[in-house]
Amino acid sequence: MSQQAEAAQKFGKDGMDAMLRSFGTLSKASQAIAVEATDFAKQSFELGTATLEKLAGVRSLDKALEIQTDYMKTSYERLVAQTTKMTELYQNLAKEMVKPYEGFAAKAQEQAFKAQDRAFASAKDGFKKVEDEAAKVQYAA
């Protein structure tokens, strides 16, 4: 019984350790994602401001359309690149958060099977004792 309690305690400790490591990963990755998003927003603002300054000095409609078209093209390309980068960051976050639990599920399953085997052995012993007592009563009668 003591071994079972120790095993349960170790299992609980391992689970808590895995959870804490996972939360640590979440914290670090969230900071990286926030920095990336902030940098993108800052660069976008600077690009928009520079484009407005260019447009303010334009004297022809053709030049204004050219500047606006370049801005739209650059903004779209930056957005696609940023989306790809953010997707990678979130995918890495998910992978890293799961890592502490990789061996944990296998251990839990193994302990469940061991507990099941002990329960079956105990039940078998109990049935054997009942059969023996029933046989004693039958022979005594």
C-alpha atoms as a PDB file:
ATOM      1  CA  MET A   1       0.000   0.000   0.000  1.00  0.00           C
ATOM      2  CA  SER A   2       2.885   2.330   0.795  1.00  0.00           C
ATOM      3  CA  GLN A   3       4.366   1.766  -2.656  1.00  0.00           C
ATOM      4  CA  GLN A   4       1.052   2.736  -4.257  1.00  0.00           C
ATOM      5  CA  ALA A   5       0.901   5.937  -2.220  1.00  0.00           C
ATOM      6  CA  GLU A   6       4.485   6.756  -3.165  1.00  0.00           C
ATOM      7  CA  ALA A   7       3.750   6.040  -6.823  1.00  0.00           C
ATOM      8  CA  ALA A   8       0.658   8.266  -6.712  1.00  0.00           C
ATOM      9  CA  GLN A   9       2.640  11.019  -5.005  1.00  0.00           C
ATOM     10  CA  LYS A  10       5.434  10.786  -7.597  1.00  0.00           C
ATOM     11  CA  PHE A  11       2.873  10.799 -10.403  1.00  0.00           C
ATOM     12  CA  GLY A  12       1.287  13.960  -8.969  1.00  0.00           C
ATOM     13  CA  LYS A  13       4.686  15.617  -8.580  1.00  0.00           C
ATOM     14  CA  ASP A  14       5.658  14.712 -12.155  1.00  0.00           C
ATOM     15  CA  GLY A  15       2.367  16.141 -13.403  1.00  0.00           C
ATOM     16  CA  MET A  16       2.913  19.386 -11.508  1.00  0.00           C
ATOM     17  CA  ASP A  17       6.488  19.653 -12.821  1.00  0.00           C
ATOM     18  CA  ALA A  18       5.273  19.129 -16.391  1.00  0.00           C
ATOM     19  CA  MET A  19       2.599  21.783 -15.956  1.00  0.00           C
ATOM     20  CA  LEU A  20       5.091  24.306 -14.535  1.00  0.00           C
ATOM     21  CA  ARG A  21       7.532  23.702 -17.394  1.00  0.00           C
ATOM     22  CA  SER A  22       4.683  24.118 -19.860  1.00  0.00           C
ATOM     23  CA  PHE A  23       3.635  27.423 -18.269  1.00  0.00           C
ATOM     24  CA  GLY A  24       7.251  28.622 -18.364  1.00  0.00           C
ATOM     25  CA  THR A  25       7.311  27.905 -22.078  1.00  0.00           C
ATOM     26  CA  LEU A  26       4.031  29.783 -22.512  1.00  0.00           C
ATOM     27  CA  SER A  27       5.445  32.811 -20.709  1.00  0.00           C
ATOM     28  CA  LYS A  28       8.620  32.969 -22.805  1.00  0.00           C
ATOM     29  CA  ALA A  29       6.819  32.378 -26.093  1.00  0.00           C
ATOM     30  CA  SER A  30       4.146  34.961 -25.267  1.00  0.00           C
ATOM     31  CA  GLN A  31       6.856  37.544 -24.710  1.00  0.00           C
ATOM     32  CA  ALA A  32       8.466  36.714 -28.058  1.00  0.00           C
ATOM     33  CA  ILE A  33       5.096  36.928 -29.814  1.00  0.00           C
ATOM     34  CA  ALA A  34       4.319  40.276 -28.172  1.00  0.00           C
ATOM     35  CA  VAL A  35       7.710  41.696 -29.182  1.00  0.00           C
ATOM     36  CA  GLU A  36       7.196  40.495 -32.759  1.00  0.00           C
ATOM     37  CA  ALA A  37       3.702  42.002 -32.969  1.00  0.00           C
ATOM     38  CA  THR A  38       4.902  45.295 -31.472  1.00  0.00           C
ATOM     39  CA  ASP A  39       7.810  45.522 -33.919  1.00  0.00           C
ATOM     40  CA  PHE A  40       5.490  44.848 -36.845  1.00  0.00           C
ATOM     41  CA  ALA A  41       3.041  47.524 -35.688  1.00  0.00           C
ATOM     42  CA  LYS A  42       5.861  50.044 -35.230  1.00  0.00           C
ATOM     43  CA  GLN A  43       7.297  49.324 -38.673  1.00  0.00           C
ATOM     44  CA  SER A  44       3.827  49.551 -40.217  1.00  0.00           C
ATOM     45  CA  PHE A  45       3.268  52.946 -38.625  1.00  0.00           C
ATOM     46  CA  GLU A  46       6.654  54.174 -39.871  1.00  0.00           C
ATOM     47  CA  LEU A  47       5.940  52.899 -43.379  1.00  0.00           C
ATOM     48  CA  GLY A  48       2.530  54.583 -43.406  1.00  0.00           C
ATOM     49  CA  THR A  49       3.985  57.854 -42.138  1.00  0.00           C
ATOM     50  CA  ALA A  50       6.750  57.804 -44.765  1.00  0.00           C
ATOM     51  CA  THR A  51       4.157  57.142 -47.477  1.00  0.00           C
ATOM     52  CA  LEU A  52       2.009  60.070 -46.300  1.00  0.00           C
ATOM     53  CA  GLU A  53       5.055  62.337 -46.373  1.00  0.00           C
ATOM     54  CA  LYS A  54       5.787  61.254 -49.946  1.00  0.00           C
ATOM     55  CA  LEU A  55       2.174  61.827 -50.946  1.00  0.00           C
ATOM     56  CA  ALA A  56       2.199  65.298 -49.410  1.00  0.00           C
ATOM     57  CA  GLY A  57       4.931  66.406 -51.797  1.00  0.00           C
ATOM     58  CA  VAL A  58       3.398  64.945 -54.961  1.00  0.00           C
ATOM     59  CA  ARG A  59       2.224  67.267 -57.762  1.00  0.00           C
ATOM     60  CA  SER A  60       0.685  64.738 -60.160  1.00  0.00           C
ATOM     61  CA  LEU A  61      -2.033  62.131 -59.906  1.00  0.00           C
ATOM     62  CA  ASP A  62       0.131  59.520 -61.665  1.00  0.00           C
ATOM     63  CA  LYS A  63       2.922  59.896 -59.075  1.00  0.00           C
ATOM     64  CA  ALA A  64       0.388  59.708 -56.213  1.00  0.00           C
ATOM     65  CA  LEU A  65      -1.074  56.492 -57.641  1.00  0.00           C
ATOM     66  CA  GLU A  66       2.421  55.061 -58.046  1.00  0.00           C
ATOM     67  CA  ILE A  67       3.304  55.831 -54.402  1.00  0.00           C
ATOM     68  CA  GLN A  68      -0.014  54.423 -53.195  1.00  0.00           C
ATOM     69  CA  THR A  69       0.413  51.266 -55.296  1.00  0.00           C
ATOM     70  CA  ASP A  70       3.942  50.724 -53.960  1.00  0.00           C
ATOM     71  CA  TYR A  71       2.652  51.202 -50.422  1.00  0.00           C
ATOM     72  CA  MET A  72      -0.140  48.665 -50.912  1.00  0.00           C
ATOM     73  CA  LYS A  73       2.217  46.146 -52.511  1.00  0.00           C
ATOM     74  CA  THR A  74       4.816  46.532 -49.743  1.00  0.00           C
ATOM     75  CA  SER A  75       2.146  46.359 -47.036  1.00  0.00           C
ATOM     76  CA  TYR A  76       0.692  43.178 -48.502  1.00  0.00           C
ATOM     77  CA  GLU A  77       4.102  41.500 -48.783  1.00  0.00           C
ATOM     78  CA  ARG A  78       4.956  42.494 -45.206  1.00  0.00           C
ATOM     79  CA  LEU A  79       1.604  41.170 -43.973  1.00  0.00           C
ATOM     80  CA  VAL A  80       2.130  37.809 -45.675  1.00  0.00           C
ATOM     81  CA  ALA A  81       5.651  37.534 -44.236  1.00  0.00           C
ATOM     82  CA  GLN A  82       4.449  38.564 -40.768  1.00  0.00           C
ATOM     83  CA  THR A  83       1.573  36.093 -40.880  1.00  0.00           C
ATOM     84  CA  THR A  84       3.998  33.311 -41.765  1.00  0.00           C
ATOM     85  CA  LYS A  85       6.340  34.335 -38.955  1.00  0.00           C
ATOM     86  CA  MET A  86       3.521  34.522 -36.386  1.00  0.00           C
ATOM     87  CA  THR A  87       2.161  31.155 -37.517  1.00  0.00           C
ATOM     88  CA  GLU A  88       5.595  29.621 -36.933  1.00  0.00           C
ATOM     89  CA  LEU A  89       5.820  31.219 -33.490  1.00  0.00           C
ATOM     90  CA  TYR A  90       2.419  29.828 -32.482  1.00  0.00           C
ATOM     91  CA  GLN A  91       3.232  26.382 -33.900  1.00  0.00           C
ATOM     92  CA  ASN A  92       6.499  26.314 -31.962  1.00  0.00           C
ATOM     93  CA  LEU A  93       4.635  27.427 -28.851  1.00  0.00           C
ATOM     94  CA  ALA A  94       2.196  24.534 -29.170  1.00  0.00           C
ATOM     95  CA  LYS A  95       4.996  22.021 -29.729  1.00  0.00           C
ATOM     96  CA  GLU A  96       7.036  23.307 -26.793  1.00  0.00           C
ATOM     97  CA  MET A  97       4.052  23.346 -24.437  1.00  0.00           C
ATOM     98  CA  VAL A  98       3.328  19.688 -25.183  1.00  0.00           C
ATOM     99  CA  LYS A  99       6.915  18.479 -24.714  1.00  0.00           C
ATOM    100  CA  PRO A 100       6.792  18.256 -20.898  1.00  0.00           C
ATOM    101  CA  TYR A 101       3.766  15.958 -21.181  1.00  0.00           C
ATOM    102  CA  GLU A 102       5.180  13.571 -23.821  1.00  0.00           C
ATOM    103  CA  GLY A 103       6.376  10.883 -21.409  1.00  0.00           C
ATOM    104  CA  PHE A 104       3.738  11.718 -18.829  1.00  0.00           C
ATOM    105  CA  ALA A 105       0.814  10.095 -20.677  1.00  0.00           C
ATOM    106  CA  ALA A 106       2.760   6.871 -21.196  1.00  0.00           C
ATOM    107  CA  LYS A 107       3.630   6.761 -17.478  1.00  0.00           C
ATOM    108  CA  ALA A 108      -0.001   7.341 -16.536  1.00  0.00           C
ATOM    109  CA  GLN A 109      -1.127   4.519 -18.799  1.00  0.00           C
ATOM    110  CA  GLU A 110       1.548   2.205 -17.410  1.00  0.00           C
ATOM    111  CA  GLN A 111       0.502   2.949 -13.825  1.00  0.00           C
ATOM    112  CA  ALA A 112      -3.151   2.404 -14.710  1.00  0.00           C
ATOM    113  CA  PHE A 113      -2.329  -1.014 -16.184  1.00  0.00           C
ATOM    114  CA  LYS A 114      -0.318  -1.948 -13.087  1.00  0.00           C
ATOM    115  CA  ALA A 115      -3.207  -0.904 -10.836  1.00  0.00           C
ATOM    116  CA  GLN A 116      -5.589  -2.930 -12.987  1.00  0.00           C
ATOM    117  CA  ASP A 117      -3.325  -5.994 -12.738  1.00  0.00           C
ATOM    118  CA  ARG A 118      -3.152  -5.611  -8.939  1.00  0.00           C
ATOM    119  CA  ALA A 119      -6.941  -5.297  -8.753  1.00  0.00           C
ATOM    120  CA  PHE A 120      -7.444  -8.416 -10.869  1.00  0.00           C
ATOM    121  CA  ALA A 121      -4.933 -10.359  -8.765  1.00  0.00           C
ATOM    122  CA  SER A 122      -6.660  -9.245  -5.576  1.00  0.00           C
ATOM    123  CA  ALA A 123     -10.079 -10.182  -6.971  1.00  0.00           C
ATOM    124  CA  LYS A 124      -8.734 -13.559  -8.066  1.00  0.00           C
ATOM    125  CA  ASP A 125      -7.358 -14.180  -4.578  1.00  0.00           C
ATOM    126  CA  GLY A 126     -10.701 -13.164  -3.078  1.00  0.00           C
ATOM    127  CA  PHE A 127     -12.615 -15.539  -5.345  1.00  0.00           C
ATOM    128  CA  LYS A 128     -10.196 -18.326  -4.471  1.00  0.00           C
ATOM    129  CA  LYS A 129     -10.799 -17.765  -0.757  1.00  0.00           C
ATOM    130  CA  VAL A 130     -14.566 -17.778  -1.295  1.00  0.00           C
ATOM    131  CA  GLU A 131     -14.313 -21.048  -3.264  1.00  0.00           C
ATOM    132  CA  ASP A 132     -12.169 -22.599  -0.523  1.00  0.00           C
ATOM    133  CA  GLU A 133     -14.642 -21.559   2.191  1.00  0.00           C
ATOM    134  CA  ALA A 134     -17.564 -22.832   0.109  1.00  0.00           C
ATOM    135  CA  ALA A 135     -15.780 -26.157  -0.357  1.00  0.00           C
ATOM    136  CA  LYS A 136     -15.150 -26.428   3.424  1.00  0.00           C
ATOM    137  CA  VAL A 137     -18.814 -25.742   4.145  1.00  0.00           C
ATOM    138  CA  GLN A 138     -19.884 -28.296   1.540  1.00  0.00           C
ATOM    139  CA  TYR A 139     -17.587 -31.005   2.936  1.00  0.00           C
ATOM    140  CA  ALA A 140     -18.678 -30.247   6.490  1.00  0.00           C
ATOM    141  CA  ALA A 141     -22.320 -30.706   5.597  1.00  0.00           C
END
